[in-house]
N, C-alpha and C. Protein backbone atom coordinates (compact mmCIF):
# COMPACT_ATOMS: atom_id res chain seq x y z
N MET A 1 -25.52 5.54 -21.96
CA MET A 1 -24.70 5.56 -20.72
C MET A 1 -24.57 4.06 -20.70
N THR A 2 -23.06 3.73 -20.55
CA THR A 2 -22.93 2.36 -20.35
C THR A 2 -23.26 1.75 -19.16
N ASP A 3 -23.38 0.52 -18.91
CA ASP A 3 -23.62 -0.13 -17.41
C ASP A 3 -22.63 0.50 -16.53
N HIS A 4 -21.40 0.22 -17.01
CA HIS A 4 -20.40 0.73 -15.93
C HIS A 4 -20.71 1.97 -15.52
N GLN A 5 -20.89 2.95 -16.35
CA GLN A 5 -21.16 4.55 -15.99
C GLN A 5 -22.33 4.57 -14.96
N VAL A 6 -23.51 3.71 -15.39
CA VAL A 6 -24.74 3.78 -14.61
C VAL A 6 -24.18 3.18 -13.11
N ARG A 7 -23.46 2.32 -12.99
CA ARG A 7 -23.07 1.76 -11.57
C ARG A 7 -22.16 2.67 -10.85
N ARG A 8 -21.11 3.44 -11.63
CA ARG A 8 -20.42 4.32 -10.95
C ARG A 8 -21.12 5.54 -10.49
N ASN A 9 -22.23 5.92 -11.09
CA ASN A 9 -23.19 7.03 -10.89
C ASN A 9 -23.87 6.68 -9.51
N GLU A 10 -24.24 5.44 -9.60
CA GLU A 10 -25.17 5.03 -8.39
C GLU A 10 -24.24 4.93 -7.16
N ILE A 11 -22.84 4.36 -7.17
CA ILE A 11 -21.99 4.38 -6.08
C ILE A 11 -21.66 5.87 -5.57
N ASP A 12 -21.40 6.74 -6.65
CA ASP A 12 -21.03 8.21 -6.25
C ASP A 12 -22.34 8.60 -5.63
N ALA A 13 -23.55 8.53 -6.08
CA ALA A 13 -24.65 8.87 -5.42
C ALA A 13 -24.86 8.33 -3.71
N TYR A 14 -24.45 7.10 -3.66
CA TYR A 14 -24.59 6.45 -2.42
C TYR A 14 -23.42 7.00 -1.55
N ILE A 15 -22.27 7.04 -1.95
CA ILE A 15 -21.28 7.93 -1.24
C ILE A 15 -21.48 9.04 -0.80
N SER A 16 -22.06 9.91 -1.66
CA SER A 16 -22.45 11.44 -1.32
C SER A 16 -23.33 11.48 -0.19
N ALA A 17 -24.27 10.48 -0.06
CA ALA A 17 -25.30 10.46 1.09
C ALA A 17 -24.62 9.96 2.30
N LEU A 18 -23.37 9.48 2.47
CA LEU A 18 -22.94 8.96 3.70
C LEU A 18 -22.54 9.93 4.82
N SER A 19 -22.59 9.86 5.89
CA SER A 19 -22.15 10.64 6.98
C SER A 19 -20.44 10.92 6.99
N ASP A 20 -19.89 11.74 7.60
CA ASP A 20 -18.48 11.79 7.70
C ASP A 20 -17.93 10.46 8.28
N ALA A 21 -18.79 9.97 9.23
CA ALA A 21 -18.12 8.93 10.06
C ALA A 21 -18.23 7.59 9.10
N GLU A 22 -19.24 7.40 8.49
CA GLU A 22 -19.34 6.46 7.43
C GLU A 22 -18.55 6.57 6.30
N ARG A 23 -18.26 7.70 5.76
CA ARG A 23 -17.23 8.01 4.65
C ARG A 23 -15.89 7.38 5.02
N GLU A 24 -15.52 8.01 6.39
CA GLU A 24 -13.99 7.59 6.88
C GLU A 24 -13.96 5.98 7.04
N ALA A 25 -15.10 5.42 7.17
CA ALA A 25 -14.99 3.85 7.33
C ALA A 25 -14.79 3.31 6.14
N VAL A 26 -15.61 3.83 5.00
CA VAL A 26 -15.41 3.33 3.76
C VAL A 26 -13.84 3.59 3.21
N ASP A 27 -13.30 4.69 3.60
CA ASP A 27 -12.14 5.26 3.03
C ASP A 27 -11.02 4.25 3.87
N SER A 28 -11.16 3.84 5.06
CA SER A 28 -10.23 2.98 5.72
C SER A 28 -10.05 1.50 5.26
N ALA A 29 -11.63 1.09 4.94
CA ALA A 29 -11.73 -0.13 4.19
C ALA A 29 -11.01 -0.27 2.88
N SER A 30 -11.23 0.76 2.24
CA SER A 30 -10.52 0.99 0.82
C SER A 30 -8.83 0.64 1.05
N VAL A 31 -8.36 1.45 1.73
CA VAL A 31 -6.93 1.44 2.05
C VAL A 31 -6.60 -0.07 2.52
N ALA A 32 -7.35 -0.65 3.52
CA ALA A 32 -7.15 -2.03 3.93
C ALA A 32 -7.08 -3.00 2.88
N LEU A 33 -8.06 -2.76 1.89
CA LEU A 33 -8.08 -3.83 0.81
C LEU A 33 -6.99 -3.49 -0.17
N ASP A 34 -6.65 -2.40 -0.52
CA ASP A 34 -5.53 -1.91 -1.34
C ASP A 34 -4.29 -2.57 -0.66
N ILE A 35 -3.88 -2.64 0.43
CA ILE A 35 -2.84 -3.25 1.16
C ILE A 35 -2.79 -4.67 1.06
N ALA A 36 -4.13 -5.16 1.25
CA ALA A 36 -4.40 -6.67 1.28
C ALA A 36 -3.95 -7.09 -0.14
N GLY A 37 -4.44 -6.55 -1.36
CA GLY A 37 -4.04 -6.94 -2.67
C GLY A 37 -2.75 -7.13 -2.87
N LEU A 38 -1.97 -5.87 -2.35
CA LEU A 38 -0.47 -5.96 -2.54
C LEU A 38 0.12 -7.05 -1.90
N ALA A 39 -0.20 -7.33 -0.64
CA ALA A 39 0.55 -8.50 0.13
C ALA A 39 0.28 -9.61 -0.58
N TYR A 40 -1.07 -10.16 -1.02
CA TYR A 40 -1.48 -11.12 -1.64
C TYR A 40 -0.70 -11.26 -2.91
N ARG A 41 -0.70 -10.19 -3.76
CA ARG A 41 0.11 -10.35 -4.96
C ARG A 41 1.51 -10.65 -4.80
N ALA A 42 2.21 -10.09 -3.83
CA ALA A 42 3.45 -10.49 -3.63
C ALA A 42 3.91 -11.80 -3.26
N ARG A 43 2.99 -12.49 -2.39
CA ARG A 43 3.11 -13.69 -2.02
C ARG A 43 2.88 -14.65 -3.00
N ILE A 44 1.92 -14.49 -3.88
CA ILE A 44 1.52 -15.29 -5.13
C ILE A 44 2.74 -15.31 -6.14
N VAL A 45 3.29 -14.08 -6.42
CA VAL A 45 4.26 -13.98 -7.33
C VAL A 45 5.37 -14.79 -7.01
N ARG A 46 5.74 -14.94 -5.75
CA ARG A 46 6.86 -15.75 -4.98
C ARG A 46 6.54 -17.33 -5.09
N GLY A 47 5.23 -17.57 -5.34
CA GLY A 47 4.63 -19.07 -5.28
C GLY A 47 4.79 -19.46 -3.92
N PHE A 48 4.64 -18.71 -2.98
CA PHE A 48 4.53 -19.09 -1.62
C PHE A 48 2.91 -19.51 -1.02
N THR A 49 2.75 -20.35 -0.25
CA THR A 49 1.46 -20.44 0.56
C THR A 49 1.47 -19.53 1.64
N GLN A 50 0.38 -19.38 2.33
CA GLN A 50 0.36 -18.40 3.60
C GLN A 50 1.24 -19.02 4.42
N THR A 51 1.39 -20.30 4.78
CA THR A 51 2.15 -21.01 5.75
C THR A 51 3.66 -20.84 5.35
N GLU A 52 3.97 -20.95 4.24
CA GLU A 52 5.47 -20.52 3.84
C GLU A 52 5.86 -19.17 4.09
N ALA A 53 4.99 -18.19 3.64
CA ALA A 53 5.24 -16.86 3.87
C ALA A 53 5.38 -16.39 5.31
N ALA A 54 4.51 -16.99 6.14
CA ALA A 54 4.37 -16.81 7.52
C ALA A 54 5.86 -17.32 8.21
N HIS A 55 6.45 -18.57 7.72
CA HIS A 55 7.48 -18.95 8.01
C HIS A 55 8.72 -18.07 7.83
N ALA A 56 8.59 -17.53 6.44
CA ALA A 56 9.71 -16.71 5.98
C ALA A 56 9.76 -15.41 6.71
N SER A 57 8.60 -14.83 7.18
CA SER A 57 8.54 -13.45 7.76
C SER A 57 8.55 -13.57 9.28
N GLY A 58 8.48 -14.75 9.77
CA GLY A 58 8.32 -14.78 11.25
C GLY A 58 7.01 -14.48 11.70
N LEU A 59 6.16 -14.03 11.04
CA LEU A 59 4.64 -13.83 11.30
C LEU A 59 3.88 -15.34 11.50
N LYS A 60 2.77 -15.26 11.90
CA LYS A 60 1.86 -16.35 12.06
C LYS A 60 1.03 -16.66 10.86
N GLN A 61 0.68 -17.68 10.76
CA GLN A 61 -0.10 -17.90 9.28
C GLN A 61 -1.33 -17.16 9.40
N GLN A 62 -2.01 -17.07 10.59
CA GLN A 62 -3.37 -16.26 10.89
C GLN A 62 -3.18 -14.90 10.70
N SER A 63 -1.86 -14.33 10.83
CA SER A 63 -1.57 -12.86 10.65
C SER A 63 -1.50 -12.67 9.10
N ILE A 64 -1.15 -13.52 8.27
CA ILE A 64 -0.93 -13.59 6.88
C ILE A 64 -2.29 -13.42 6.21
N SER A 65 -3.02 -14.39 6.69
CA SER A 65 -4.54 -14.48 6.43
C SER A 65 -5.24 -13.12 6.67
N ARG A 66 -5.09 -12.62 7.89
CA ARG A 66 -5.66 -11.22 8.06
C ARG A 66 -5.20 -10.10 7.39
N ILE A 67 -4.06 -10.08 7.20
CA ILE A 67 -3.24 -8.94 6.26
C ILE A 67 -3.91 -9.08 4.89
N GLU A 68 -4.17 -10.33 4.26
CA GLU A 68 -4.63 -10.61 2.95
C GLU A 68 -6.13 -10.33 2.75
N GLY A 69 -6.76 -10.50 4.00
CA GLY A 69 -8.16 -10.44 4.00
C GLY A 69 -8.51 -8.79 4.26
N GLY A 70 -7.51 -7.96 4.57
CA GLY A 70 -7.80 -6.56 4.95
C GLY A 70 -8.38 -6.47 6.28
N THR A 71 -8.45 -7.47 7.20
CA THR A 71 -8.99 -7.37 8.50
C THR A 71 -8.25 -7.06 9.69
N ILE A 72 -6.85 -6.69 9.33
CA ILE A 72 -5.98 -6.29 10.34
C ILE A 72 -5.53 -4.84 10.04
N ASN A 73 -5.23 -4.20 11.11
CA ASN A 73 -4.73 -2.59 10.80
C ASN A 73 -3.14 -2.80 11.06
N ILE A 74 -2.64 -3.02 9.84
CA ILE A 74 -1.19 -3.34 9.68
C ILE A 74 -0.37 -2.16 9.87
N THR A 75 0.79 -2.24 10.66
CA THR A 75 1.67 -1.07 10.51
C THR A 75 2.65 -1.26 9.35
N VAL A 76 3.14 0.01 8.95
CA VAL A 76 4.05 0.00 7.71
C VAL A 76 5.18 -1.21 8.26
N ARG A 77 5.74 -1.00 9.44
CA ARG A 77 6.80 -1.87 9.94
C ARG A 77 6.36 -3.25 9.61
N MET A 78 5.36 -3.83 9.99
CA MET A 78 5.00 -5.17 9.67
C MET A 78 4.87 -5.60 8.05
N LEU A 79 4.32 -4.58 7.40
CA LEU A 79 4.36 -4.73 5.83
C LEU A 79 5.57 -4.79 5.41
N GLU A 80 6.55 -3.79 5.91
CA GLU A 80 7.82 -3.87 5.40
C GLU A 80 8.62 -5.34 5.63
N ARG A 81 8.43 -5.82 6.91
CA ARG A 81 9.02 -6.96 7.19
C ARG A 81 8.79 -8.25 6.33
N TYR A 82 7.05 -8.15 6.25
CA TYR A 82 6.48 -9.17 5.15
C TYR A 82 7.07 -9.39 4.01
N LEU A 83 7.12 -8.13 3.28
CA LEU A 83 7.57 -7.71 2.06
C LEU A 83 9.00 -8.13 1.82
N ARG A 84 9.67 -7.74 2.92
CA ARG A 84 11.42 -8.16 2.85
C ARG A 84 11.55 -9.64 2.70
N ALA A 85 10.78 -10.40 3.64
CA ALA A 85 10.84 -11.74 3.76
C ALA A 85 10.53 -12.39 2.47
N LEU A 86 9.72 -11.63 1.56
CA LEU A 86 9.30 -12.39 0.11
C LEU A 86 10.28 -11.72 -0.86
N GLY A 87 11.13 -10.95 -0.66
CA GLY A 87 12.20 -10.46 -1.45
C GLY A 87 11.75 -9.03 -2.12
N PHE A 88 10.85 -8.49 -1.52
CA PHE A 88 10.45 -7.24 -2.08
C PHE A 88 10.64 -5.96 -1.11
N SER A 89 10.87 -4.77 -2.02
CA SER A 89 10.98 -3.42 -1.03
C SER A 89 9.62 -2.76 -0.89
N LEU A 90 9.47 -2.11 -0.19
CA LEU A 90 8.18 -0.89 0.04
C LEU A 90 8.79 0.31 -0.22
N SER A 91 8.05 0.89 -1.17
CA SER A 91 8.28 2.16 -1.62
C SER A 91 7.04 3.00 -1.20
N LEU A 92 7.28 4.28 -0.52
CA LEU A 92 6.32 5.26 -0.21
C LEU A 92 6.50 6.48 -1.07
N SER A 93 5.49 7.08 -1.38
CA SER A 93 5.57 8.35 -2.01
C SER A 93 4.34 9.34 -1.45
N ILE A 94 4.83 10.65 -1.43
CA ILE A 94 3.95 11.68 -0.94
C ILE A 94 3.45 12.40 -2.29
N PHE A 95 2.08 12.50 -2.52
CA PHE A 95 1.77 13.21 -3.57
C PHE A 95 0.99 14.55 -3.42
N ASP A 96 1.22 15.57 -4.05
CA ASP A 96 0.39 16.86 -4.04
C ASP A 96 -0.91 16.44 -4.41
N GLU A 97 -2.02 16.73 -3.63
CA GLU A 97 -3.15 16.18 -3.98
C GLU A 97 -3.93 17.56 -5.10
N ASN A 98 -3.41 18.79 -5.21
CA ASN A 98 -3.62 19.57 -6.11
C ASN A 98 -2.97 19.44 -7.44
N THR A 99 -1.77 19.23 -7.45
CA THR A 99 -0.94 18.95 -8.81
C THR A 99 -0.80 17.74 -9.30
N GLY A 100 -0.92 16.65 -8.27
CA GLY A 100 -0.38 15.45 -8.67
C GLY A 100 1.03 14.83 -8.78
N GLU A 101 1.77 15.94 -8.28
CA GLU A 101 3.24 15.89 -8.35
C GLU A 101 3.80 15.07 -7.16
N VAL A 102 4.96 14.37 -7.38
CA VAL A 102 5.47 13.58 -6.20
C VAL A 102 6.30 14.51 -5.34
N LEU A 103 6.14 14.87 -4.26
CA LEU A 103 6.75 15.71 -3.23
C LEU A 103 8.09 15.16 -3.05
N ASP A 104 7.83 13.81 -2.42
CA ASP A 104 8.99 12.92 -2.04
C ASP A 104 8.66 11.49 -2.00
N GLN A 105 9.62 10.80 -2.11
CA GLN A 105 9.51 9.28 -2.19
C GLN A 105 10.74 8.53 -1.42
N THR A 106 10.25 7.20 -1.09
CA THR A 106 11.48 6.53 -0.32
C THR A 106 11.21 5.07 -0.30
N THR A 107 12.30 4.30 -0.51
CA THR A 107 11.96 2.96 -0.47
C THR A 107 12.68 2.49 1.17
N LEU A 108 11.79 1.88 1.75
CA LEU A 108 11.87 1.64 3.12
C LEU A 108 12.87 0.62 3.54
N ASN A 109 12.78 -0.47 2.72
CA ASN A 109 13.70 -1.73 3.11
C ASN A 109 14.60 -2.25 2.07
N ARG A 110 15.33 -1.40 1.72
CA ARG A 110 16.53 -1.94 0.68
C ARG A 110 17.40 -2.93 1.55
N PRO A 111 18.10 -3.83 0.93
CA PRO A 111 18.90 -4.63 1.44
C PRO A 111 20.07 -3.88 2.06
N ASN A 112 20.64 -2.95 1.51
CA ASN A 112 21.79 -2.40 1.97
C ASN A 112 21.35 -0.87 2.40
N ILE A 113 21.10 -1.00 3.82
CA ILE A 113 20.45 0.10 4.36
C ILE A 113 21.23 1.36 4.41
N GLY A 114 22.75 1.11 4.52
CA GLY A 114 23.57 2.28 4.49
C GLY A 114 23.71 3.15 3.45
N ALA A 115 23.28 2.40 2.13
CA ALA A 115 23.30 3.03 0.90
C ALA A 115 21.88 3.69 0.66
N ARG A 116 20.99 3.73 1.48
CA ARG A 116 19.56 4.15 1.07
C ARG A 116 19.57 5.67 0.52
N THR A 117 18.86 5.69 -0.61
CA THR A 117 18.68 7.23 -0.95
C THR A 117 17.26 7.47 -1.30
N ARG A 118 16.90 8.59 -1.44
CA ARG A 118 15.49 8.92 -1.69
C ARG A 118 15.58 10.00 -2.94
N THR A 119 14.42 10.04 -3.63
CA THR A 119 14.36 10.97 -4.79
C THR A 119 13.31 11.91 -4.32
N VAL A 120 13.71 13.20 -4.59
CA VAL A 120 12.90 14.37 -4.33
C VAL A 120 12.50 14.99 -5.73
N VAL A 121 11.33 15.29 -6.09
CA VAL A 121 10.84 16.15 -6.82
C VAL A 121 10.64 17.51 -6.45
N SER A 122 11.43 18.57 -6.87
CA SER A 122 10.96 19.79 -6.27
C SER A 122 10.12 20.45 -7.05
N SER A 123 9.73 21.66 -6.73
CA SER A 123 8.98 22.41 -7.17
C SER A 123 8.99 22.98 -8.61
N ASN A 124 10.10 22.89 -8.93
CA ASN A 124 10.64 23.28 -10.32
C ASN A 124 10.73 22.14 -11.28
N HIS A 125 10.20 20.97 -10.81
CA HIS A 125 10.23 19.74 -11.69
C HIS A 125 11.42 19.13 -11.95
N HIS A 126 12.53 19.42 -11.33
CA HIS A 126 13.70 18.56 -11.45
C HIS A 126 13.73 17.54 -10.22
N SER A 127 14.48 16.51 -10.46
CA SER A 127 14.62 15.23 -9.31
C SER A 127 16.10 15.00 -9.20
N GLY A 128 16.28 14.75 -8.17
CA GLY A 128 17.62 14.32 -7.68
C GLY A 128 17.61 13.33 -6.70
N ALA A 129 18.92 12.62 -6.27
CA ALA A 129 18.80 11.59 -5.30
C ALA A 129 19.59 12.41 -4.23
N LEU A 130 19.12 12.12 -2.99
CA LEU A 130 19.62 12.67 -1.86
C LEU A 130 20.10 11.55 -0.99
N LYS A 131 21.45 11.38 -0.48
CA LYS A 131 21.86 10.48 0.43
C LYS A 131 21.31 10.89 1.81
N ARG A 132 21.00 9.71 2.57
CA ARG A 132 20.43 9.79 3.95
C ARG A 132 21.46 9.17 4.85
């Protein structure tokens, strides 16, 4: 067994011993860190400092730091606003946990809101665009 597999088994054993409340806290922290990483990468790709990103988005530099540190309970609207200011769109997908298929997905902040579309993958595995 590799070192990586040993560590993974140790982590799995640790998590399985957690209470429901502790497991929920770990899940919340994981989501916050995932979002923090996305926000950080978007800023870095654009070559912005936190201060420049704050100016572009209308947020405070302190808020950018908290978003990127995973210490703020960010709303979808705030994330959308931040990413739009950096020239990115936010896309959300709903996945079926049993099959792994995408039930629905949408891009929230396209520049031309009137032409917003969403792609739906139906149960018969065909996809199509729906106008909203």
